[in-house]
All heavy atoms as atom14 arrays in JSON, in Angstrom:
{
  "sequence": "RKFFISDDRFQKIAVIERHKCTGKNSVGIVSGFGLRGGAIASSVSHD",
  "atom14_mask": [
    [1, 1, 1, 1, 1, 1, 1, 1, 1, 1, 1, 0, 0, 0],
    [1, 1, 1, 1, 1, 1, 1, 1, 1, 0, 0, 0, 0, 0],
    [1, 1, 1, 1, 1, 1, 1, 1, 1, 1, 1, 0, 0, 0],
    [1, 1, 1, 1, 1, 1, 1, 1, 1, 1, 1, 0, 0, 0],
    [1, 1, 1, 1, 1, 1, 1, 1, 0, 0, 0, 0, 0, 0],
    [1, 1, 1, 1, 1, 1, 0, 0, 0, 0, 0, 0, 0, 0],
    [1, 1, 1, 1, 1, 1, 1, 1, 0, 0, 0, 0, 0, 0],
    [1, 1, 1, 1, 1, 1, 1, 1, 0, 0, 0, 0, 0, 0],
    [1, 1, 1, 1, 1, 1, 1, 1, 1, 1, 1, 0, 0, 0],
    [1, 1, 1, 1, 1, 1, 1, 1, 1, 1, 1, 0, 0, 0],
    [1, 1, 1, 1, 1, 1, 1, 1, 1, 0, 0, 0, 0, 0],
    [1, 1, 1, 1, 1, 1, 1, 1, 1, 0, 0, 0, 0, 0],
    [1, 1, 1, 1, 1, 1, 1, 1, 0, 0, 0, 0, 0, 0],
    [1, 1, 1, 1, 1, 0, 0, 0, 0, 0, 0, 0, 0, 0],
    [1, 1, 1, 1, 1, 1, 1, 0, 0, 0, 0, 0, 0, 0],
    [1, 1, 1, 1, 1, 1, 1, 1, 0, 0, 0, 0, 0, 0],
    [1, 1, 1, 1, 1, 1, 1, 1, 1, 0, 0, 0, 0, 0],
    [1, 1, 1, 1, 1, 1, 1, 1, 1, 1, 1, 0, 0, 0],
    [1, 1, 1, 1, 1, 1, 1, 1, 1, 1, 0, 0, 0, 0],
    [1, 1, 1, 1, 1, 1, 1, 1, 1, 0, 0, 0, 0, 0],
    [1, 1, 1, 1, 1, 1, 0, 0, 0, 0, 0, 0, 0, 0],
    [1, 1, 1, 1, 1, 1, 1, 0, 0, 0, 0, 0, 0, 0],
    [1, 1, 1, 1, 0, 0, 0, 0, 0, 0, 0, 0, 0, 0],
    [1, 1, 1, 1, 1, 1, 1, 1, 1, 0, 0, 0, 0, 0],
    [1, 1, 1, 1, 1, 1, 1, 1, 0, 0, 0, 0, 0, 0],
    [1, 1, 1, 1, 1, 1, 0, 0, 0, 0, 0, 0, 0, 0],
    [1, 1, 1, 1, 1, 1, 1, 0, 0, 0, 0, 0, 0, 0],
    [1, 1, 1, 1, 0, 0, 0, 0, 0, 0, 0, 0, 0, 0],
    [1, 1, 1, 1, 1, 1, 1, 1, 0, 0, 0, 0, 0, 0],
    [1, 1, 1, 1, 1, 1, 1, 0, 0, 0, 0, 0, 0, 0],
    [1, 1, 1, 1, 1, 1, 0, 0, 0, 0, 0, 0, 0, 0],
    [1, 1, 1, 1, 0, 0, 0, 0, 0, 0, 0, 0, 0, 0],
    [1, 1, 1, 1, 1, 1, 1, 1, 1, 1, 1, 0, 0, 0],
    [1, 1, 1, 1, 0, 0, 0, 0, 0, 0, 0, 0, 0, 0],
    [1, 1, 1, 1, 1, 1, 1, 1, 0, 0, 0, 0, 0, 0],
    [1, 1, 1, 1, 1, 1, 1, 1, 1, 1, 1, 0, 0, 0],
    [1, 1, 1, 1, 0, 0, 0, 0, 0, 0, 0, 0, 0, 0],
    [1, 1, 1, 1, 0, 0, 0, 0, 0, 0, 0, 0, 0, 0],
    [1, 1, 1, 1, 1, 0, 0, 0, 0, 0, 0, 0, 0, 0],
    [1, 1, 1, 1, 1, 1, 1, 1, 0, 0, 0, 0, 0, 0],
    [1, 1, 1, 1, 1, 0, 0, 0, 0, 0, 0, 0, 0, 0],
    [1, 1, 1, 1, 1, 1, 0, 0, 0, 0, 0, 0, 0, 0],
    [1, 1, 1, 1, 1, 1, 0, 0, 0, 0, 0, 0, 0, 0],
    [1, 1, 1, 1, 1, 1, 1, 0, 0, 0, 0, 0, 0, 0],
    [1, 1, 1, 1, 1, 1, 0, 0, 0, 0, 0, 0, 0, 0],
    [1, 1, 1, 1, 1, 1, 1, 1, 1, 1, 0, 0, 0, 0],
    [1, 1, 1, 1, 1, 1, 1, 1, 0, 0, 0, 0, 0, 0]
  ],
  "atom14_positions": [
    [[-20.29, 0.55, -6.95], [-18.79, 0.68, -7.03], [-18.28, -0.69, -6.22], [-18.88, -1.06, -5.26], [-18.26, 1.92, -6.42], [-18.78, 3.09, -7.24], [-18.26, 4.39, -6.58], [-16.83, 4.48, -6.49], [-16.2, 5.32, -5.67], [-16.85, 6.19, -4.92], [-14.96, 5.27, -5.67], [0.0, 0.0, 0.0], [0.0, 0.0, 0.0], [0.0, 0.0, 0.0]],
    [[-17.18, -1.09, -6.66], [-16.49, -2.19, -5.97], [-15.44, -1.69, -4.99], [-14.77, -0.7, -5.27], [-15.8, -3.14, -6.99], [-16.57, -4.11, -7.71], [-15.76, -5.01, -8.61], [-16.55, -6.08, -9.18], [-15.71, -7.04, -9.96], [0.0, 0.0, 0.0], [0.0, 0.0, 0.0], [0.0, 0.0, 0.0], [0.0, 0.0, 0.0], [0.0, 0.0, 0.0]],
    [[-15.48, -2.37, -3.76], [-14.44, -1.97, -2.76], [-13.79, -3.23, -2.37], [-14.37, -4.37, -1.98], [-15.14, -1.3, -1.64], [-15.8, 0.03, -1.83], [-17.12, 0.07, -2.31], [-15.07, 1.2, -1.76], [-17.63, 1.33, -2.61], [-15.64, 2.45, -2.02], [-16.87, 2.54, -2.41], [0.0, 0.0, 0.0], [0.0, 0.0, 0.0], [0.0, 0.0, 0.0]],
    [[-12.35, -3.15, -2.38], [-11.49, -4.21, -1.91], [-11.74, -4.58, -0.48], [-11.8, -3.7, 0.43], [-10.07, -3.86, -2.22], [-9.09, -4.8, -1.67], [-8.93, -6.09, -2.1], [-8.27, -4.28, -0.56], [-7.86, -6.9, -1.45], [-7.4, -5.15, 0.01], [-7.2, -6.48, -0.5], [0.0, 0.0, 0.0], [0.0, 0.0, 0.0], [0.0, 0.0, 0.0]],
    [[-11.78, -5.91, -0.14], [-11.78, -6.45, 1.12], [-10.52, -7.2, 1.46], [-10.1, -8.15, 0.83], [-12.99, -7.36, 1.43], [-14.33, -6.64, 1.13], [-13.09, -7.95, 2.8], [-15.47, -7.6, 1.1], [0.0, 0.0, 0.0], [0.0, 0.0, 0.0], [0.0, 0.0, 0.0], [0.0, 0.0, 0.0], [0.0, 0.0, 0.0], [0.0, 0.0, 0.0]],
    [[-9.71, -6.71, 2.49], [-8.5, -7.36, 2.87], [-8.82, -8.69, 3.52], [-9.88, -8.82, 4.21], [-7.73, -6.41, 3.85], [-6.58, -7.01, 4.26], [0.0, 0.0, 0.0], [0.0, 0.0, 0.0], [0.0, 0.0, 0.0], [0.0, 0.0, 0.0], [0.0, 0.0, 0.0], [0.0, 0.0, 0.0], [0.0, 0.0, 0.0], [0.0, 0.0, 0.0]],
    [[-7.89, -9.57, 3.37], [-8.0, -10.89, 4.05], [-6.63, -11.41, 4.4], [-5.68, -10.61, 4.36], [-8.85, -11.78, 3.3], [-8.24, -12.15, 1.87], [-7.02, -12.04, 1.71], [-8.94, -12.45, 0.9], [0.0, 0.0, 0.0], [0.0, 0.0, 0.0], [0.0, 0.0, 0.0], [0.0, 0.0, 0.0], [0.0, 0.0, 0.0], [0.0, 0.0, 0.0]],
    [[-6.54, -12.6, 4.82], [-5.19, -13.14, 5.15], [-4.19, -13.26, 4.06], [-2.98, -13.24, 4.19], [-5.36, -14.65, 5.8], [-6.0, -14.6, 7.16], [-6.03, -13.55, 7.77], [-6.54, -15.63, 7.58], [0.0, 0.0, 0.0], [0.0, 0.0, 0.0], [0.0, 0.0, 0.0], [0.0, 0.0, 0.0], [0.0, 0.0, 0.0], [0.0, 0.0, 0.0]],
    [[-4.65, -13.28, 2.9], [-3.9, -13.44, 1.65], [-3.52, -12.09, 0.94], [-2.38, -11.84, 0.5], [-4.4, -14.36, 0.64], [-3.53, -14.52, -0.56], [-4.05, -15.76, -1.29], [-3.11, -15.83, -2.62], [-3.6, -16.17, -3.67], [-4.79, -16.63, -3.8], [-2.72, -16.26, -4.7], [0.0, 0.0, 0.0], [0.0, 0.0, 0.0], [0.0, 0.0, 0.0]],
    [[-4.57, -11.19, 0.95], [-4.48, -9.93, 0.16], [-4.6, -8.69, 1.04], [-5.55, -8.63, 1.84], [-5.47, -9.86, -1.0], [-5.3, -10.85, -2.03], [-6.19, -11.97, -1.96], [-4.55, -10.82, -3.05], [-6.09, -13.05, -2.98], [-4.31, -11.76, -3.94], [-5.09, -12.82, -3.91], [0.0, 0.0, 0.0], [0.0, 0.0, 0.0], [0.0, 0.0, 0.0]],
    [[-3.74, -7.8, 0.93], [-3.87, -6.48, 1.65], [-3.62, -5.38, 0.59], [-3.25, -5.57, -0.57], [-2.75, -6.35, 2.67], [-2.93, -7.25, 3.82], [-2.34, -8.56, 3.58], [-1.22, -8.75, 3.13], [-3.1, -9.71, 4.02], [0.0, 0.0, 0.0], [0.0, 0.0, 0.0], [0.0, 0.0, 0.0], [0.0, 0.0, 0.0], [0.0, 0.0, 0.0]],
    [[-3.82, -4.14, 1.02], [-3.71, -3.0, 0.15], [-2.36, -2.54, 0.29], [-1.65, -2.48, 1.38], [-4.68, -1.91, 0.64], [-4.91, -0.79, -0.38], [-5.85, 0.32, 0.03], [-7.2, -0.24, -0.18], [-8.3, 0.77, 0.23], [0.0, 0.0, 0.0], [0.0, 0.0, 0.0], [0.0, 0.0, 0.0], [0.0, 0.0, 0.0], [0.0, 0.0, 0.0]],
    [[-1.83, -2.04, -0.76], [-0.45, -1.36, -0.88], [-0.68, 0.06, -1.55], [-1.41, 0.15, -2.47], [0.49, -2.23, -1.57], [2.01, -1.66, -1.49], [0.13, -2.48, -3.02], [3.07, -2.49, -2.09], [0.0, 0.0, 0.0], [0.0, 0.0, 0.0], [0.0, 0.0, 0.0], [0.0, 0.0, 0.0], [0.0, 0.0, 0.0], [0.0, 0.0, 0.0]],
    [[0.13, 1.03, -1.02], [0.01, 2.3, -1.63], [1.43, 2.93, -1.62], [2.3, 2.61, -0.69], [-0.9, 3.19, -0.84], [0.0, 0.0, 0.0], [0.0, 0.0, 0.0], [0.0, 0.0, 0.0], [0.0, 0.0, 0.0], [0.0, 0.0, 0.0], [0.0, 0.0, 0.0], [0.0, 0.0, 0.0], [0.0, 0.0, 0.0], [0.0, 0.0, 0.0]],
    [[1.68, 3.74, -2.64], [2.95, 4.49, -2.65], [2.64, 5.9, -2.8], [1.61, 6.32, -3.56], [3.95, 3.95, -3.73], [3.28, 4.2, -5.14], [5.27, 4.6, -3.67], [0.0, 0.0, 0.0], [0.0, 0.0, 0.0], [0.0, 0.0, 0.0], [0.0, 0.0, 0.0], [0.0, 0.0, 0.0], [0.0, 0.0, 0.0], [0.0, 0.0, 0.0]],
    [[3.29, 6.82, -2.17], [3.01, 8.19, -2.23], [4.23, 8.95, -2.41], [5.34, 8.77, -1.73], [2.54, 8.82, -0.81], [1.23, 8.1, -0.4], [2.33, 10.29, -0.79], [1.17, 7.21, 0.74], [0.0, 0.0, 0.0], [0.0, 0.0, 0.0], [0.0, 0.0, 0.0], [0.0, 0.0, 0.0], [0.0, 0.0, 0.0], [0.0, 0.0, 0.0]],
    [[4.35, 9.69, -3.51], [5.6, 10.48, -3.92], [5.9, 11.54, -2.79], [5.0, 12.07, -2.32], [5.3, 11.25, -5.23], [6.42, 11.93, -5.95], [6.7, 13.23, -5.29], [5.89, 13.93, -4.93], [7.99, 13.57, -5.15], [0.0, 0.0, 0.0], [0.0, 0.0, 0.0], [0.0, 0.0, 0.0], [0.0, 0.0, 0.0], [0.0, 0.0, 0.0]],
    [[7.09, 11.62, -2.4], [7.37, 12.46, -1.34], [8.6, 13.5, -1.64], [8.97, 14.2, -0.65], [7.83, 11.65, -0.04], [9.19, 10.98, -0.12], [9.42, 10.19, 1.22], [10.72, 9.68, 1.14], [11.89, 10.2, 1.71], [11.71, 11.27, 2.41], [12.96, 9.52, 1.69], [0.0, 0.0, 0.0], [0.0, 0.0, 0.0], [0.0, 0.0, 0.0]],
    [[9.02, 13.68, -2.85], [10.16, 14.46, -3.12], [9.83, 15.85, -3.72], [10.45, 16.76, -3.5], [11.23, 13.79, -3.94], [11.67, 12.42, -3.35], [12.48, 12.4, -2.36], [11.32, 11.19, -3.72], [12.7, 11.18, -2.06], [12.03, 10.4, -2.87], [0.0, 0.0, 0.0], [0.0, 0.0, 0.0], [0.0, 0.0, 0.0], [0.0, 0.0, 0.0]],
    [[8.83, 15.85, -4.6], [8.51, 17.03, -5.38], [7.17, 17.54, -5.11], [6.69, 18.45, -5.88], [8.69, 16.77, -6.82], [10.06, 16.44, -7.27], [10.26, 16.11, -8.81], [11.68, 15.7, -9.09], [11.83, 15.43, -10.37], [0.0, 0.0, 0.0], [0.0, 0.0, 0.0], [0.0, 0.0, 0.0], [0.0, 0.0, 0.0], [0.0, 0.0, 0.0]],
    [[6.44, 16.99, -4.12], [5.13, 17.54, -3.8], [4.16, 17.48, -5.02], [3.35, 18.45, -5.24], [5.07, 18.99, -3.13], [6.09, 19.03, -1.65], [0.0, 0.0, 0.0], [0.0, 0.0, 0.0], [0.0, 0.0, 0.0], [0.0, 0.0, 0.0], [0.0, 0.0, 0.0], [0.0, 0.0, 0.0], [0.0, 0.0, 0.0], [0.0, 0.0, 0.0]],
    [[4.28, 16.52, -5.79], [3.37, 16.34, -6.97], [1.9, 15.84, -6.66], [1.08, 16.03, -7.41], [3.93, 15.31, -7.97], [3.91, 14.02, -7.22], [5.27, 15.65, -8.41], [0.0, 0.0, 0.0], [0.0, 0.0, 0.0], [0.0, 0.0, 0.0], [0.0, 0.0, 0.0], [0.0, 0.0, 0.0], [0.0, 0.0, 0.0], [0.0, 0.0, 0.0]],
    [[1.77, 15.28, -5.39], [0.5, 14.74, -5.14], [0.26, 13.35, -5.69], [-0.87, 12.87, -5.55], [0.0, 0.0, 0.0], [0.0, 0.0, 0.0], [0.0, 0.0, 0.0], [0.0, 0.0, 0.0], [0.0, 0.0, 0.0], [0.0, 0.0, 0.0], [0.0, 0.0, 0.0], [0.0, 0.0, 0.0], [0.0, 0.0, 0.0], [0.0, 0.0, 0.0]],
    [[1.2, 12.81, -6.39], [0.91, 11.53, -7.06], [1.04, 10.42, -6.03], [1.82, 10.43, -5.18], [2.05, 11.32, -8.16], [1.88, 12.14, -9.33], [2.8, 11.89, -10.5], [2.59, 12.83, -11.61], [3.51, 12.8, -12.56], [0.0, 0.0, 0.0], [0.0, 0.0, 0.0], [0.0, 0.0, 0.0], [0.0, 0.0, 0.0], [0.0, 0.0, 0.0]],
    [[0.08, 9.47, -6.22], [0.07, 8.29, -5.36], [-0.66, 7.22, -6.18], [-1.34, 7.41, -7.13], [-0.62, 8.55, -4.05], [-2.01, 8.89, -4.27], [-2.92, 8.16, -4.49], [-2.35, 10.21, -4.12], [0.0, 0.0, 0.0], [0.0, 0.0, 0.0], [0.0, 0.0, 0.0], [0.0, 0.0, 0.0], [0.0, 0.0, 0.0], [0.0, 0.0, 0.0]],
    [[-0.41, 6.03, -5.77], [-0.92, 4.87, -6.41], [-1.36, 3.71, -5.3], [-0.61, 3.61, -4.4], [-0.08, 4.32, -7.46], [-0.76, 3.29, -8.14], [0.0, 0.0, 0.0], [0.0, 0.0, 0.0], [0.0, 0.0, 0.0], [0.0, 0.0, 0.0], [0.0, 0.0, 0.0], [0.0, 0.0, 0.0], [0.0, 0.0, 0.0], [0.0, 0.0, 0.0]],
    [[-2.39, 3.06, -5.66], [-2.88, 2.1, -4.69], [-3.11, 0.8, -5.54], [-3.57, 0.81, -6.58], [-4.34, 2.45, -4.05], [-4.75, 1.46, -3.17], [-4.06, 3.84, -3.33], [0.0, 0.0, 0.0], [0.0, 0.0, 0.0], [0.0, 0.0, 0.0], [0.0, 0.0, 0.0], [0.0, 0.0, 0.0], [0.0, 0.0, 0.0], [0.0, 0.0, 0.0]],
    [[-2.72, -0.33, -4.89], [-2.97, -1.66, -5.52], [-3.14, -2.71, -4.39], [-3.39, -2.5, -3.2], [0.0, 0.0, 0.0], [0.0, 0.0, 0.0], [0.0, 0.0, 0.0], [0.0, 0.0, 0.0], [0.0, 0.0, 0.0], [0.0, 0.0, 0.0], [0.0, 0.0, 0.0], [0.0, 0.0, 0.0], [0.0, 0.0, 0.0], [0.0, 0.0, 0.0]],
    [[-3.22, -3.88, -4.78], [-3.4, -5.05, -3.95], [-2.08, -5.93, -3.98], [-1.52, -6.11, -5.01], [-4.6, -5.87, -4.41], [-5.84, -5.14, -4.41], [-4.6, -7.12, -3.58], [-6.96, -5.77, -5.1], [0.0, 0.0, 0.0], [0.0, 0.0, 0.0], [0.0, 0.0, 0.0], [0.0, 0.0, 0.0], [0.0, 0.0, 0.0], [0.0, 0.0, 0.0]],
    [[-1.66, -6.42, -2.81], [-0.45, -7.12, -2.69], [-0.78, -8.44, -1.92], [-1.65, -8.52, -1.16], [0.65, -6.33, -1.98], [0.33, -6.1, -0.52], [2.01, -6.87, -2.05], [0.0, 0.0, 0.0], [0.0, 0.0, 0.0], [0.0, 0.0, 0.0], [0.0, 0.0, 0.0], [0.0, 0.0, 0.0], [0.0, 0.0, 0.0], [0.0, 0.0, 0.0]],
    [[-0.05, -9.47, -2.34], [-0.28, -10.76, -1.49], [1.11, -11.19, -1.05], [2.23, -10.76, -1.47], [-0.8, -11.82, -2.5], [0.09, -12.18, -3.43], [0.0, 0.0, 0.0], [0.0, 0.0, 0.0], [0.0, 0.0, 0.0], [0.0, 0.0, 0.0], [0.0, 0.0, 0.0], [0.0, 0.0, 0.0], [0.0, 0.0, 0.0], [0.0, 0.0, 0.0]],
    [[1.15, -12.12, -0.05], [2.36, -12.6, 0.52], [2.93, -11.92, 1.74], [3.95, -12.31, 2.23], [0.0, 0.0, 0.0], [0.0, 0.0, 0.0], [0.0, 0.0, 0.0], [0.0, 0.0, 0.0], [0.0, 0.0, 0.0], [0.0, 0.0, 0.0], [0.0, 0.0, 0.0], [0.0, 0.0, 0.0], [0.0, 0.0, 0.0], [0.0, 0.0, 0.0]],
    [[2.2, -10.91, 2.22], [2.64, -10.2, 3.42], [1.95, -10.56, 4.65], [2.38, -10.49, 5.73], [2.71, -8.67, 3.23], [3.73, -8.2, 2.31], [3.52, -8.05, 0.88], [5.11, -7.99, 2.73], [4.49, -7.7, 0.01], [6.03, -7.69, 1.86], [5.79, -7.45, 0.54], [0.0, 0.0, 0.0], [0.0, 0.0, 0.0], [0.0, 0.0, 0.0]],
    [[0.76, -11.07, 4.45], [-0.03, -11.57, 5.61], [-0.32, -10.64, 6.82], [-0.77, -11.16, 7.84], [0.0, 0.0, 0.0], [0.0, 0.0, 0.0], [0.0, 0.0, 0.0], [0.0, 0.0, 0.0], [0.0, 0.0, 0.0], [0.0, 0.0, 0.0], [0.0, 0.0, 0.0], [0.0, 0.0, 0.0], [0.0, 0.0, 0.0], [0.0, 0.0, 0.0]],
    [[-0.22, -9.33, 6.52], [-0.45, -8.36, 7.57], [-1.87, -8.3, 7.97], [-2.75, -8.26, 7.19], [0.01, -6.99, 7.04], [-0.15, -5.81, 8.14], [0.86, -6.09, 9.23], [0.1, -4.6, 7.33], [0.0, 0.0, 0.0], [0.0, 0.0, 0.0], [0.0, 0.0, 0.0], [0.0, 0.0, 0.0], [0.0, 0.0, 0.0], [0.0, 0.0, 0.0]],
    [[-2.14, -8.47, 9.33], [-3.48, -8.36, 9.91], [-3.46, -7.42, 11.13], [-2.56, -7.43, 11.86], [-3.91, -9.75, 10.29], [-3.97, -10.82, 9.31], [-4.9, -10.5, 8.09], [-6.29, -10.5, 8.52], [-7.26, -9.81, 7.76], [-6.97, -9.16, 6.8], [-8.5, -9.93, 8.24], [0.0, 0.0, 0.0], [0.0, 0.0, 0.0], [0.0, 0.0, 0.0]],
    [[-4.56, -6.6, 11.19], [-4.75, -5.8, 12.33], [-3.89, -4.5, 12.27], [-3.64, -3.9, 13.31], [0.0, 0.0, 0.0], [0.0, 0.0, 0.0], [0.0, 0.0, 0.0], [0.0, 0.0, 0.0], [0.0, 0.0, 0.0], [0.0, 0.0, 0.0], [0.0, 0.0, 0.0], [0.0, 0.0, 0.0], [0.0, 0.0, 0.0], [0.0, 0.0, 0.0]],
    [[-3.52, -3.98, 11.02], [-2.81, -2.79, 11.08], [-2.2, -2.5, 9.75], [-2.59, -2.89, 8.66], [0.0, 0.0, 0.0], [0.0, 0.0, 0.0], [0.0, 0.0, 0.0], [0.0, 0.0, 0.0], [0.0, 0.0, 0.0], [0.0, 0.0, 0.0], [0.0, 0.0, 0.0], [0.0, 0.0, 0.0], [0.0, 0.0, 0.0], [0.0, 0.0, 0.0]],
    [[-1.02, -1.74, 9.87], [-0.27, -1.25, 8.73], [1.15, -1.04, 9.07], [1.61, -0.85, 10.2], [-0.89, 0.09, 8.18], [0.0, 0.0, 0.0], [0.0, 0.0, 0.0], [0.0, 0.0, 0.0], [0.0, 0.0, 0.0], [0.0, 0.0, 0.0], [0.0, 0.0, 0.0], [0.0, 0.0, 0.0], [0.0, 0.0, 0.0], [0.0, 0.0, 0.0]],
    [[1.91, -1.22, 8.0], [3.36, -0.91, 8.15], [3.81, 0.12, 7.0], [3.23, -0.05, 5.87], [4.31, -2.23, 8.01], [5.74, -1.93, 8.27], [4.01, -2.96, 6.75], [6.58, -3.12, 8.41], [0.0, 0.0, 0.0], [0.0, 0.0, 0.0], [0.0, 0.0, 0.0], [0.0, 0.0, 0.0], [0.0, 0.0, 0.0], [0.0, 0.0, 0.0]],
    [[4.62, 1.07, 7.23], [4.99, 2.02, 6.33], [6.42, 2.34, 6.38], [7.0, 2.27, 7.48], [4.15, 3.32, 6.49], [0.0, 0.0, 0.0], [0.0, 0.0, 0.0], [0.0, 0.0, 0.0], [0.0, 0.0, 0.0], [0.0, 0.0, 0.0], [0.0, 0.0, 0.0], [0.0, 0.0, 0.0], [0.0, 0.0, 0.0], [0.0, 0.0, 0.0]],
    [[7.03, 2.79, 5.26], [8.45, 3.1, 5.15], [8.71, 4.24, 4.21], [8.05, 4.24, 3.2], [9.3, 1.95, 4.97], [10.65, 2.21, 4.82], [0.0, 0.0, 0.0], [0.0, 0.0, 0.0], [0.0, 0.0, 0.0], [0.0, 0.0, 0.0], [0.0, 0.0, 0.0], [0.0, 0.0, 0.0], [0.0, 0.0, 0.0], [0.0, 0.0, 0.0]],
    [[9.69, 5.05, 4.54], [10.18, 6.03, 3.52], [11.4, 5.49, 2.77], [11.88, 6.05, 1.8], [10.5, 7.37, 4.19], [11.57, 7.12, 5.13], [0.0, 0.0, 0.0], [0.0, 0.0, 0.0], [0.0, 0.0, 0.0], [0.0, 0.0, 0.0], [0.0, 0.0, 0.0], [0.0, 0.0, 0.0], [0.0, 0.0, 0.0], [0.0, 0.0, 0.0]],
    [[11.81, 4.2, 3.09], [12.89, 3.49, 2.45], [12.32, 2.54, 1.45], [11.83, 1.48, 1.78], [13.82, 2.75, 3.51], [14.97, 1.93, 2.77], [14.35, 3.8, 4.56], [0.0, 0.0, 0.0], [0.0, 0.0, 0.0], [0.0, 0.0, 0.0], [0.0, 0.0, 0.0], [0.0, 0.0, 0.0], [0.0, 0.0, 0.0], [0.0, 0.0, 0.0]],
    [[12.22, 2.95, 0.17], [11.64, 1.98, -0.82], [12.38, 2.17, -2.14], [12.11, 3.01, -2.91], [10.18, 2.36, -1.0], [9.99, 3.66, -1.39], [0.0, 0.0, 0.0], [0.0, 0.0, 0.0], [0.0, 0.0, 0.0], [0.0, 0.0, 0.0], [0.0, 0.0, 0.0], [0.0, 0.0, 0.0], [0.0, 0.0, 0.0], [0.0, 0.0, 0.0]],
    [[13.35, 1.37, -2.26], [14.38, 1.53, -3.36], [13.7, 1.57, -4.75], [12.58, 0.92, -4.88], [15.17, 0.26, -3.38], [15.97, 0.09, -1.99], [16.87, 0.86, -1.58], [15.72, -0.89, -1.13], [17.39, 0.53, -0.4], [16.54, -0.51, -0.17], [0.0, 0.0, 0.0], [0.0, 0.0, 0.0], [0.0, 0.0, 0.0], [0.0, 0.0, 0.0]],
    [[14.13, 2.3, -5.66], [15.28, 3.19, -5.51], [14.82, 4.69, -5.43], [15.54, 5.6, -5.27], [16.3, 3.04, -6.66], [15.66, 3.44, -8.01], [14.46, 3.51, -8.22], [16.44, 3.4, -8.85], [0.0, 0.0, 0.0], [0.0, 0.0, 0.0], [0.0, 0.0, 0.0], [0.0, 0.0, 0.0], [0.0, 0.0, 0.0], [0.0, 0.0, 0.0]]
  ]
}
């Protein structure tokens, strides 16, 4: 199996549904954020 490795350019992004307890979530790869050594999360994600 392939496993993603984060670096200076690419990090992991995930979204978790929080309104109807569906358990739905999705994970992808994002570039342009440069985040190293941790994570940032928010419940403010339009719309």
